[in-house]
Amino acid sequence: DRLVVLAREQDVEELEIRIASAEDALTLFSALGYEVVRRYQKIREEWRLGSETICLDHTPIGDFVEFEGAKAEAVAKRCGFDLATSLRKSYLMLYEDFIAEHPDAPHDMIFRDNP
């Protein structure tokens, strides 16, 4: 197992909205012209350190930690992580790299016990 730091860029704005169901979200995205490329799953644990959020994501390809907030890099360093070796990739990009190394991997990055 490996633990990789994903330090989020601060100039990327995220928008969070509530939806009634996954089907409603798919309908919305389809209406906007998007299509599903790949599915992925993660189980996220979140902690707070002051105003910063530390997220531990458990995925089918390993565990990843993400630091969020204005002082994310300082908190990551304080926790002992080397930012020079951190990844700045999306889960889609990480899974594409994984598939390149494991050609027999499933199309979607989902846990084996899910359909």
Protein backbone atom coordinates (compact mmCIF):
# COMPACT_ATOMS: atom_id res chain seq x y z
CA ASP A 1 0.00 0.00 0.00
CA ARG A 2 1.08 3.55 -0.59
CA LEU A 3 0.07 6.91 0.74
CA VAL A 4 0.31 9.75 -1.76
CA VAL A 5 -0.21 13.44 -1.08
CA LEU A 6 -2.60 15.25 -3.38
CA ALA A 7 -2.09 18.94 -2.66
CA ARG A 8 -4.95 20.90 -4.16
CA GLU A 9 -4.24 24.02 -6.18
CA GLN A 10 -5.92 27.00 -4.52
CA ASP A 11 -6.98 28.70 -7.77
CA VAL A 12 -9.36 25.86 -8.67
CA GLU A 13 -12.89 26.70 -7.59
CA GLU A 14 -15.19 23.89 -6.57
CA LEU A 15 -18.94 24.15 -6.60
CA GLU A 16 -20.98 21.89 -4.35
CA ILE A 17 -24.69 21.45 -4.95
CA ARG A 18 -27.28 19.03 -3.60
CA ILE A 19 -29.00 16.65 -5.96
CA ALA A 20 -31.89 14.33 -5.27
CA SER A 21 -30.28 11.25 -6.84
CA ALA A 22 -27.42 10.00 -8.97
CA GLU A 23 -29.88 9.52 -11.81
CA ASP A 24 -30.84 13.22 -11.64
CA ALA A 25 -27.14 14.16 -11.81
CA LEU A 26 -26.61 11.91 -14.85
CA THR A 27 -29.63 13.47 -16.55
CA LEU A 28 -28.28 16.97 -15.88
CA PHE A 29 -24.78 16.17 -17.14
CA SER A 30 -26.18 14.45 -20.25
CA ALA A 31 -28.34 17.50 -20.99
CA LEU A 32 -25.19 19.65 -20.76
CA GLY A 33 -23.45 17.41 -23.31
CA TYR A 34 -21.27 15.37 -20.95
CA GLU A 35 -20.89 11.62 -21.11
CA VAL A 36 -19.51 9.09 -18.66
CA VAL A 37 -15.86 8.28 -19.40
CA ARG A 38 -15.01 6.20 -16.36
CA ARG A 39 -16.47 5.61 -12.91
CA TYR A 40 -14.46 5.59 -9.70
CA GLN A 41 -15.20 5.02 -6.05
CA LYS A 42 -13.56 6.23 -2.89
CA ILE A 43 -14.29 6.10 0.78
CA ARG A 44 -13.33 9.42 2.35
CA GLU A 45 -12.40 10.22 5.93
CA GLU A 46 -12.11 13.91 6.81
CA TRP A 47 -10.34 15.68 9.64
CA ARG A 48 -9.98 19.34 10.52
CA LEU A 49 -6.83 21.07 11.71
CA GLY A 50 -7.85 24.65 12.36
CA SER A 51 -9.35 25.92 9.12
CA GLU A 52 -7.68 23.23 7.02
CA THR A 53 -9.23 19.95 5.95
CA ILE A 54 -7.25 16.73 5.66
CA CYS A 55 -8.95 14.05 3.59
CA LEU A 56 -7.90 10.40 3.51
CA ASP A 57 -9.34 8.66 0.47
CA HIS A 58 -9.40 4.87 0.30
CA THR A 59 -9.65 3.74 -3.35
CA PRO A 60 -9.33 0.42 -5.18
CA ILE A 61 -5.80 1.42 -6.24
CA GLY A 62 -4.51 2.70 -2.90
CA ASP A 63 -4.88 5.32 -0.21
CA PHE A 64 -4.42 9.02 -0.94
CA VAL A 65 -4.33 12.05 1.32
CA GLU A 66 -5.51 15.47 0.22
CA PHE A 67 -4.95 18.73 2.08
CA GLU A 68 -7.45 21.55 1.49
CA GLY A 69 -7.37 25.15 2.59
CA ALA A 70 -5.27 28.28 2.35
CA LYS A 71 -2.46 26.71 4.40
CA ALA A 72 -2.71 23.22 2.86
CA GLU A 73 0.95 23.01 1.89
CA ALA A 74 2.14 24.14 5.33
CA VAL A 75 -0.12 21.57 7.01
CA ALA A 76 1.12 18.81 4.67
CA LYS A 77 4.72 19.68 5.56
CA ARG A 78 3.83 19.78 9.27
CA CYS A 79 2.38 16.27 8.92
CA GLY A 80 5.68 15.07 7.44
CA PHE A 81 4.84 14.98 3.73
CA ASP A 82 7.34 16.04 1.06
CA LEU A 83 5.53 18.24 -1.46
CA ALA A 84 8.24 17.61 -4.03
CA THR A 85 7.00 14.03 -4.32
CA SER A 86 3.28 14.83 -4.18
CA LEU A 87 0.97 14.06 -7.09
CA ARG A 88 -1.14 16.74 -8.68
CA LYS A 89 -3.36 14.47 -10.71
CA SER A 90 -7.04 13.68 -10.80
CA TYR A 91 -8.29 10.20 -9.93
CA LEU A 92 -9.02 9.70 -13.64
CA MET A 93 -5.38 10.44 -14.45
CA LEU A 94 -4.14 8.19 -11.63
CA TYR A 95 -6.30 5.33 -12.88
CA GLU A 96 -5.13 5.81 -16.47
CA ASP A 97 -1.55 5.42 -15.15
CA PHE A 98 -2.64 2.33 -13.19
CA ILE A 99 -4.23 0.77 -16.28
CA ALA A 100 -1.02 1.38 -18.25
CA GLU A 101 0.84 -0.68 -15.62
CA HIS A 102 -1.99 -3.24 -15.18
CA PRO A 103 -3.63 -3.80 -18.60
CA ASP A 104 -6.01 -6.42 -17.18
CA ALA A 105 -7.52 -3.94 -14.69
CA PRO A 106 -11.26 -3.31 -14.97
CA HIS A 107 -12.49 -0.35 -17.02
CA ASP A 108 -13.82 1.45 -13.94
CA MET A 109 -11.98 2.15 -10.67
CA ILE A 110 -14.56 0.55 -8.41
CA PHE A 111 -14.27 -1.81 -5.47
CA ARG A 112 -14.52 -5.46 -6.50
CA ASP A 113 -17.60 -6.17 -4.38
CA ASN A 114 -19.70 -3.63 -6.34
CA PRO A 115 -21.56 -4.36 -9.58
